[in-house]
Amino acid sequence: MGHSNLQLPNPNKHSVMRLLSIHERFGSLGGAEVNILLIAQELQRRGHDVGMAYGGADSGDAEWRDAFASRFSLDESAGIGALDRALTQFKPDVVVLHKFSEPRALDALASCPSPVVRMVHDHDLYCMRSYKYNYLTRRICTRAASAYCVFSCGAVVGRAVGDFVRRNVAKAQLACGDALLAAHRQYHWSCRERHRRQEGLARAMRPAWFDAALRHHAVGVGFKLHPQADAISRDSLVAAHDEITALAMKCWLWLEARRLGRAYPSARAYAEDPRDVCPGTPPFLNILLNLRADGFRLRSKPRPWRHPRQRLLRLLPLLLWEPGAIDEPALKRLIQSQLNARASIPSECVAAYRALWQGVR
């Protein structure tokens, strides 16, 4: 960012550093945001002060608000000089620029007295289309920047909004069939071979949802081998997402029934089952693990002598497949008990689940 002979603060001299991240949004969305949040949480855990200057509106994400106590909006409503004011007020030792392309903000960083580090996300900096794949085949582009980018590649053609959703639906379509093969120890590195093996499964090895899984797996293999960038309507994407979501729940419940030796008719039945879903672990060790997961605060609920991972497993189907669970008093009590948190809206439940997962893993 225009700094020659970049000198970062000496960690032995500065016991606590102040780091200001700059990004185009505040809140969870994709991989860039996951990266930003995890780094901020780890820096915060080590005693450093982290702040965030961001474009757009504050999403209200509780987990992000906890990670970034100092927040500075760079939205148009903040006016010219918003970043200068943020730098003056926060006084960072280091500025970490993520995705942000507003010219006036970049000008301010060019004259910033603090070291500025750029973390590259996505393809924006080195592809005119911000998507370094062939538009038609989606193969990785290895060409250097040239006139080819403008005329043959079509730099003026934007990346389809639904492409991200469609790719992830295709991954889920593959995943359900792949999970079935893995359960029967027949997984293979080749997606073609995996589909052939799925077609050849014996009748006794096929669950009730097998035909749907086979059909989706065929679609997923086709998209993986011959990806297309054709426009697809929002309604079609929603329908595909809903269908694969329902299949994924059936797959999850079948896998857990196979593992635990008991059937579950619904995600709610799984979550409300009082029996241990992580059997065979020493109670004393489980108590210690629950202490660590809950910040060394011993609670009588939920059963500290059971492994804390069972709390993650029990809540996962509720959060994924029972979106209205937090509005039902009985399920709300179950969720709050398992999380040891007073979460009352879905975003708070997800934030508390992530915090518990960090403590358990």
Protein backbone atom coordinates (compact mmCIF):
# COMPACT_ATOMS: atom_id res chain seq x y z
CA MET A 1 0.00 0.00 0.00
CA GLY A 2 2.82 2.39 -0.73
CA HIS A 3 4.93 1.66 2.34
CA SER A 4 8.56 0.86 1.56
CA ASN A 5 10.64 -1.09 4.07
CA LEU A 6 7.53 -2.06 5.98
CA GLN A 7 8.27 -2.25 9.70
CA LEU A 8 5.73 -4.10 11.82
CA PRO A 9 5.55 -3.39 15.56
CA ASN A 10 7.97 -5.42 17.63
CA PRO A 11 5.90 -8.04 19.50
CA ASN A 12 8.42 -8.02 22.36
CA LYS A 13 8.09 -4.26 22.70
CA HIS A 14 4.32 -4.06 22.36
CA SER A 15 2.56 -6.51 24.67
CA VAL A 16 -0.78 -5.46 23.19
CA MET A 17 -1.34 -4.44 19.58
CA ARG A 18 -4.23 -2.52 18.08
CA LEU A 19 -5.32 -3.91 14.71
CA LEU A 20 -7.95 -2.31 12.50
CA SER A 21 -9.56 -4.50 9.82
CA ILE A 22 -11.24 -2.92 6.82
CA HIS A 23 -13.84 -4.83 4.82
CA GLU A 24 -16.78 -4.15 2.54
CA ARG A 25 -19.38 -5.58 4.94
CA PHE A 26 -19.93 -6.33 8.64
CA GLY A 27 -21.31 -9.78 9.37
CA SER A 28 -21.19 -13.35 8.07
CA LEU A 29 -21.53 -14.17 4.37
CA GLY A 30 -18.76 -16.33 2.84
CA GLY A 31 -15.19 -17.51 3.20
CA ALA A 32 -13.65 -14.03 3.51
CA GLU A 33 -15.91 -13.22 6.45
CA VAL A 34 -15.16 -16.54 8.18
CA ASN A 35 -11.45 -15.79 7.82
CA ILE A 36 -11.83 -12.27 9.24
CA LEU A 37 -13.90 -13.40 12.22
CA LEU A 38 -11.65 -16.33 13.21
CA ILE A 39 -8.51 -14.18 13.05
CA ALA A 40 -10.16 -11.44 15.12
CA GLN A 41 -11.34 -13.93 17.76
CA GLU A 42 -7.88 -15.46 18.08
CA LEU A 43 -6.18 -12.06 18.29
CA GLN A 44 -8.72 -11.01 20.91
CA ARG A 45 -8.08 -14.22 22.85
CA ARG A 46 -4.39 -13.35 22.93
CA GLY A 47 -5.14 -9.96 24.45
CA HIS A 48 -4.95 -7.70 21.39
CA ASP A 49 -7.44 -4.94 20.55
CA VAL A 50 -9.23 -5.43 17.23
CA GLY A 51 -11.49 -2.98 15.47
CA MET A 52 -13.44 -3.00 12.22
CA ALA A 53 -14.13 -0.33 9.62
CA TYR A 54 -16.74 -1.53 7.17
CA GLY A 55 -18.93 -0.55 4.26
CA GLY A 56 -22.68 -1.05 4.20
CA ALA A 57 -24.85 -1.48 7.26
CA ASP A 58 -24.13 -3.20 10.57
CA SER A 59 -25.75 -6.65 10.26
CA GLY A 60 -26.25 -6.87 14.03
CA ASP A 61 -24.45 -10.23 14.11
CA ALA A 62 -23.82 -10.87 17.83
CA GLU A 63 -20.67 -12.91 17.22
CA TRP A 64 -19.16 -10.14 15.11
CA ARG A 65 -20.11 -7.49 17.66
CA ASP A 66 -18.35 -9.48 20.37
CA ALA A 67 -15.22 -9.81 18.24
CA PHE A 68 -15.14 -6.14 17.19
CA ALA A 69 -15.96 -3.88 20.11
CA SER A 70 -14.72 -0.87 18.12
CA ARG A 71 -16.71 -0.46 14.91
CA PHE A 72 -16.60 2.31 12.32
CA SER A 73 -19.06 2.63 9.45
CA LEU A 74 -17.63 3.69 6.10
CA ASP A 75 -21.05 3.84 4.46
CA GLU A 76 -21.92 6.86 2.33
CA SER A 77 -23.99 8.21 5.19
CA ALA A 78 -20.79 8.46 7.26
CA GLY A 79 -19.53 11.11 4.84
CA ILE A 80 -16.15 11.92 3.37
CA GLY A 81 -13.28 11.38 5.78
CA ALA A 82 -14.96 8.52 7.69
CA LEU A 83 -11.84 6.34 7.44
CA ASP A 84 -9.58 9.21 8.50
CA ARG A 85 -11.73 9.67 11.59
CA ALA A 86 -11.62 5.93 12.29
CA LEU A 87 -7.82 5.88 12.04
CA THR A 88 -7.53 8.93 14.30
CA GLN A 89 -9.90 7.55 16.91
CA PHE A 90 -8.71 3.93 16.99
CA LYS A 91 -4.97 4.67 16.52
CA PRO A 92 -4.08 1.23 15.07
CA ASP A 93 -0.60 -0.26 15.20
CA VAL A 94 -1.44 -2.20 12.02
CA VAL A 95 -4.22 -1.83 9.44
CA VAL A 96 -5.41 -5.02 7.71
CA LEU A 97 -7.19 -4.31 4.42
CA HIS A 98 -9.47 -7.09 3.23
CA LYS A 99 -12.02 -6.41 0.45
CA PHE A 100 -12.67 -2.71 0.03
CA SER A 101 -12.28 -0.72 -3.17
CA GLU A 102 -13.68 2.74 -2.41
CA PRO A 103 -11.09 5.14 -3.94
CA ARG A 104 -11.19 7.75 -1.17
CA ALA A 105 -10.60 5.08 1.47
CA LEU A 106 -7.63 3.69 -0.47
CA ASP A 107 -6.22 7.23 -0.77
CA ALA A 108 -6.48 7.61 3.00
CA LEU A 109 -4.62 4.33 3.52
CA ALA A 110 -1.86 5.38 1.12
CA SER A 111 -0.98 8.21 3.50
CA CYS A 112 -1.69 6.27 6.70
CA PRO A 113 1.27 6.43 9.13
CA SER A 114 0.57 2.87 10.37
CA PRO A 115 1.69 -0.19 8.41
CA VAL A 116 -1.03 -1.46 6.04
CA VAL A 117 -1.25 -5.18 5.20
CA ARG A 118 -3.43 -6.42 2.34
CA MET A 119 -5.13 -9.81 2.58
CA VAL A 120 -6.30 -10.96 -0.85
CA HIS A 121 -9.73 -12.59 -1.02
CA ASP A 122 -11.36 -13.88 -4.19
CA HIS A 123 -10.17 -12.78 -7.64
CA ASP A 124 -10.97 -9.06 -7.65
CA LEU A 125 -7.37 -7.82 -7.79
CA TYR A 126 -6.16 -9.97 -10.66
CA CYS A 127 -9.19 -10.64 -12.86
CA MET A 128 -11.23 -7.99 -14.68
CA ARG A 129 -14.33 -10.12 -14.20
CA SER A 130 -13.50 -10.82 -10.54
CA TYR A 131 -13.86 -14.51 -11.35
CA LYS A 132 -10.79 -16.26 -12.74
CA TYR A 133 -12.62 -19.15 -14.36
CA ASN A 134 -13.76 -19.63 -17.93
CA TYR A 135 -17.26 -18.17 -18.15
CA LEU A 136 -18.69 -21.14 -20.07
CA THR A 137 -16.76 -24.15 -18.79
CA ARG A 138 -15.70 -22.75 -15.37
CA ARG A 139 -12.23 -24.21 -15.81
CA ILE A 140 -9.46 -22.28 -14.03
CA CYS A 141 -8.03 -19.51 -16.21
CA THR A 142 -4.21 -19.46 -16.39
CA ARG A 143 -3.83 -16.57 -18.86
CA ALA A 144 -1.99 -13.38 -18.03
CA ALA A 145 -3.93 -10.10 -18.27
CA SER A 146 -4.29 -9.08 -21.92
CA ALA A 147 -6.78 -7.93 -24.55
CA TYR A 148 -8.11 -11.50 -24.47
CA CYS A 149 -9.68 -10.68 -21.10
CA VAL A 150 -11.81 -7.93 -22.67
CA PHE A 151 -12.89 -9.50 -25.95
CA SER A 152 -12.75 -13.31 -25.79
CA CYS A 153 -13.30 -13.79 -22.07
CA GLY A 154 -15.82 -10.97 -21.76
CA ALA A 155 -14.65 -8.87 -18.83
CA VAL A 156 -17.86 -6.88 -19.04
CA VAL A 157 -19.91 -10.03 -18.30
CA GLY A 158 -20.61 -10.19 -14.58
CA ARG A 159 -20.57 -13.33 -12.50
CA ALA A 160 -24.07 -14.78 -12.17
CA VAL A 161 -25.59 -14.05 -8.77
CA GLY A 162 -27.04 -17.56 -8.51
CA ASP A 163 -23.79 -19.31 -9.43
CA PHE A 164 -22.62 -19.50 -5.80
CA VAL A 165 -25.89 -21.10 -4.69
CA ARG A 166 -26.00 -23.50 -7.62
CA ARG A 167 -22.44 -24.75 -7.02
CA ASN A 168 -23.14 -25.41 -3.36
CA VAL A 169 -26.40 -27.20 -4.14
CA ALA A 170 -24.41 -29.45 -6.50
CA LYS A 171 -21.89 -30.17 -3.72
CA ALA A 172 -24.73 -31.18 -1.39
CA GLN A 173 -26.21 -33.39 -4.10
CA LEU A 174 -22.92 -35.26 -4.25
CA ALA A 175 -22.50 -35.33 -0.48
CA CYS A 176 -25.65 -37.33 0.34
CA GLY A 177 -24.73 -40.17 -1.99
CA ASP A 178 -21.10 -40.01 -0.92
CA ALA A 179 -22.11 -40.28 2.76
CA LEU A 180 -24.09 -43.42 1.93
CA LEU A 181 -21.05 -44.97 0.27
CA ALA A 182 -18.76 -43.96 3.14
CA ALA A 183 -21.11 -45.63 5.62
CA HIS A 184 -20.77 -48.87 3.63
CA ARG A 185 -17.02 -48.36 3.20
CA GLN A 186 -17.28 -48.05 -0.56
CA TYR A 187 -16.14 -44.44 -1.05
CA HIS A 188 -13.79 -43.78 -4.00
CA TRP A 189 -11.83 -40.71 -5.12
CA SER A 190 -13.49 -40.64 -8.57
CA CYS A 191 -17.00 -39.18 -8.67
CA ARG A 192 -17.82 -41.38 -11.68
CA GLU A 193 -16.76 -44.50 -9.81
CA ARG A 194 -18.67 -43.38 -6.72
CA HIS A 195 -21.85 -43.08 -8.78
CA ARG A 196 -21.27 -46.50 -10.36
CA ARG A 197 -20.81 -48.02 -6.90
CA GLN A 198 -23.95 -46.32 -5.64
CA GLU A 199 -25.94 -47.80 -8.53
CA GLY A 200 -24.56 -51.24 -7.64
CA LEU A 201 -25.47 -51.19 -3.93
CA ALA A 202 -27.36 -54.26 -2.83
CA ARG A 203 -31.04 -53.84 -2.00
CA ALA A 204 -30.39 -54.51 1.67
CA MET A 205 -27.93 -51.60 1.79
CA ARG A 206 -30.35 -49.06 0.30
CA PRO A 207 -32.25 -46.75 2.70
CA ALA A 208 -35.75 -45.46 1.93
CA TRP A 209 -34.33 -42.26 0.40
CA PHE A 210 -31.91 -44.12 -1.89
CA ASP A 211 -33.66 -43.32 -5.20
CA ALA A 212 -33.66 -39.59 -4.45
CA ALA A 213 -30.00 -39.72 -3.42
CA LEU A 214 -29.06 -41.57 -6.61
CA ARG A 215 -30.90 -39.04 -8.76
CA HIS A 216 -29.29 -36.07 -7.02
CA HIS A 217 -25.88 -37.70 -7.15
CA ALA A 218 -26.20 -38.09 -10.92
CA VAL A 219 -27.02 -34.38 -11.24
CA GLY A 220 -24.09 -33.47 -8.97
CA VAL A 221 -21.66 -35.58 -10.98
CA GLY A 222 -22.90 -34.01 -14.22
CA PHE A 223 -22.41 -30.49 -12.86
CA LYS A 224 -18.97 -31.32 -11.49
CA LEU A 225 -17.75 -32.72 -14.81
CA HIS A 226 -19.58 -30.26 -17.08
CA PRO A 227 -20.33 -27.09 -15.08
CA GLN A 228 -22.61 -24.59 -16.78
CA ALA A 229 -23.12 -20.90 -16.22
CA ASP A 230 -26.63 -20.68 -17.69
CA ALA A 231 -28.96 -18.26 -15.97
CA ILE A 232 -31.26 -19.94 -13.47
CA SER A 233 -34.21 -18.27 -11.77
CA ARG A 234 -34.39 -17.56 -8.07
CA ASP A 235 -37.48 -19.77 -7.73
CA SER A 236 -35.62 -22.69 -9.32
CA LEU A 237 -32.67 -22.22 -6.96
CA VAL A 238 -34.98 -22.07 -3.93
CA ALA A 239 -36.76 -25.25 -5.04
CA ALA A 240 -33.45 -27.08 -5.60
CA HIS A 241 -32.15 -25.88 -2.22
CA ASP A 242 -35.31 -26.97 -0.39
CA GLU A 243 -35.26 -30.41 -2.03
CA ILE A 244 -31.62 -31.15 -1.22
CA THR A 245 -32.08 -29.77 2.32
CA ALA A 246 -34.90 -32.25 2.95
CA LEU A 247 -32.80 -35.10 1.56
CA ALA A 248 -29.83 -34.09 3.72
CA MET A 249 -32.00 -34.37 6.85
CA LYS A 250 -33.02 -37.91 5.89
CA CYS A 251 -29.38 -38.77 5.28
CA TRP A 252 -28.31 -37.34 8.66
CA LEU A 253 -31.02 -39.19 10.60
CA TRP A 254 -30.19 -42.45 8.80
CA LEU A 255 -26.48 -42.11 9.60
CA GLU A 256 -27.19 -41.40 13.27
CA ALA A 257 -29.70 -44.26 13.47
CA ARG A 258 -27.07 -46.56 11.99
CA ARG A 259 -24.42 -45.33 14.44
CA LEU A 260 -26.59 -45.46 17.57
CA GLY A 261 -28.82 -48.42 16.75
CA ARG A 262 -32.13 -46.58 17.10
CA ALA A 263 -34.38 -44.86 14.56
CA TYR A 264 -35.38 -41.20 14.53
CA PRO A 265 -38.52 -40.11 12.62
CA SER A 266 -37.61 -36.40 12.68
CA ALA A 267 -34.94 -33.88 13.60
CA ARG A 268 -36.98 -32.93 16.64
CA ALA A 269 -37.18 -36.54 17.82
CA TYR A 270 -33.39 -36.78 17.59
CA ALA A 271 -32.86 -33.56 19.54
CA GLU A 272 -35.35 -34.49 22.28
CA ASP A 273 -34.05 -38.04 22.78
CA PRO A 274 -32.63 -38.01 26.34
CA ARG A 275 -30.27 -40.92 25.67
CA ASP A 276 -26.55 -40.33 25.24
CA VAL A 277 -25.52 -39.82 21.61
CA CYS A 278 -21.79 -39.98 22.45
CA PRO A 279 -21.58 -43.15 24.55
CA GLY A 280 -18.43 -44.83 25.72
CA THR A 281 -16.49 -41.81 27.03
CA PRO A 282 -15.18 -41.56 30.65
CA PRO A 283 -17.53 -39.43 32.85
CA PHE A 284 -14.68 -37.69 34.71
CA LEU A 285 -13.02 -36.66 31.45
CA ASN A 286 -16.40 -35.46 30.13
CA ILE A 287 -16.84 -33.21 33.18
CA LEU A 288 -13.46 -31.62 32.51
CA LEU A 289 -14.30 -31.15 28.83
CA ASN A 290 -17.63 -29.52 29.70
CA LEU A 291 -15.86 -27.23 32.14
CA ARG A 292 -13.53 -26.07 29.39
CA ALA A 293 -16.36 -25.70 26.87
CA ASP A 294 -18.42 -23.58 29.30
CA GLY A 295 -15.60 -21.28 30.35
CA PHE A 296 -14.85 -23.27 33.55
CA ARG A 297 -18.34 -22.71 34.98
CA LEU A 298 -19.79 -26.01 36.22
CA ARG A 299 -23.45 -26.47 35.34
CA SER A 300 -25.80 -29.27 36.40
CA LYS A 301 -27.41 -29.13 32.98
CA PRO A 302 -26.98 -30.44 30.40
CA ARG A 303 -25.55 -33.53 32.12
CA PRO A 304 -21.87 -32.57 32.53
CA TRP A 305 -20.85 -36.22 32.86
CA ARG A 306 -21.65 -36.71 29.16
CA HIS A 307 -19.27 -35.65 26.38
CA PRO A 308 -19.92 -32.03 25.29
CA ARG A 309 -19.87 -33.10 21.65
CA GLN A 310 -23.30 -34.61 22.16
CA ARG A 311 -24.64 -31.09 22.74
CA LEU A 312 -23.40 -30.10 19.28
CA LEU A 313 -24.91 -33.20 17.70
CA ARG A 314 -28.24 -32.80 19.45
CA LEU A 315 -28.66 -29.17 18.41
CA LEU A 316 -27.37 -29.41 14.85
CA PRO A 317 -30.57 -30.87 13.30
CA LEU A 318 -32.70 -28.29 15.12
CA LEU A 319 -30.67 -25.38 13.81
CA LEU A 320 -30.53 -26.81 10.29
CA TRP A 321 -33.98 -28.30 9.78
CA GLU A 322 -36.27 -26.79 12.43
CA PRO A 323 -36.00 -23.02 11.79
CA GLY A 324 -38.96 -22.25 14.08
CA ALA A 325 -37.60 -24.25 17.03
CA ILE A 326 -36.58 -21.17 19.01
CA ASP A 327 -40.21 -19.99 18.97
CA GLU A 328 -41.50 -23.13 20.70
CA PRO A 329 -41.11 -22.93 24.51
CA ALA A 330 -40.05 -26.56 24.98
CA LEU A 331 -37.46 -26.47 22.20
CA LYS A 332 -36.28 -23.02 23.27
CA ARG A 333 -35.52 -24.36 26.76
CA LEU A 334 -33.71 -27.33 25.22
CA ILE A 335 -31.60 -25.09 22.97
CA GLN A 336 -30.70 -22.68 25.78
CA SER A 337 -29.87 -25.56 28.12
CA GLN A 338 -27.59 -27.30 25.62
CA LEU A 339 -25.87 -24.03 24.67
CA ASN A 340 -25.75 -22.65 28.24
CA ALA A 341 -26.80 -19.35 26.67
CA ARG A 342 -29.90 -17.17 26.71
CA ALA A 343 -30.27 -17.18 22.95
CA SER A 344 -33.72 -16.02 21.87
CA ILE A 345 -33.38 -15.49 18.10
CA PRO A 346 -31.84 -17.74 15.40
CA SER A 347 -28.72 -15.59 14.90
CA GLU A 348 -27.96 -15.71 18.64
CA CYS A 349 -28.39 -19.50 18.60
CA VAL A 350 -25.94 -19.83 15.72
CA ALA A 351 -23.41 -17.54 17.43
CA ALA A 352 -23.66 -19.53 20.69
CA TYR A 353 -23.38 -22.81 18.76
CA ARG A 354 -20.19 -21.60 17.08
CA ALA A 355 -18.76 -20.56 20.45
CA LEU A 356 -19.56 -23.99 21.91
CA TRP A 357 -18.02 -25.68 18.87
CA GLN A 358 -14.83 -23.67 19.37
CA GLY A 359 -14.66 -24.88 22.97
CA VAL A 360 -15.38 -28.52 22.16
CA ARG A 361 -13.23 -29.14 19.10
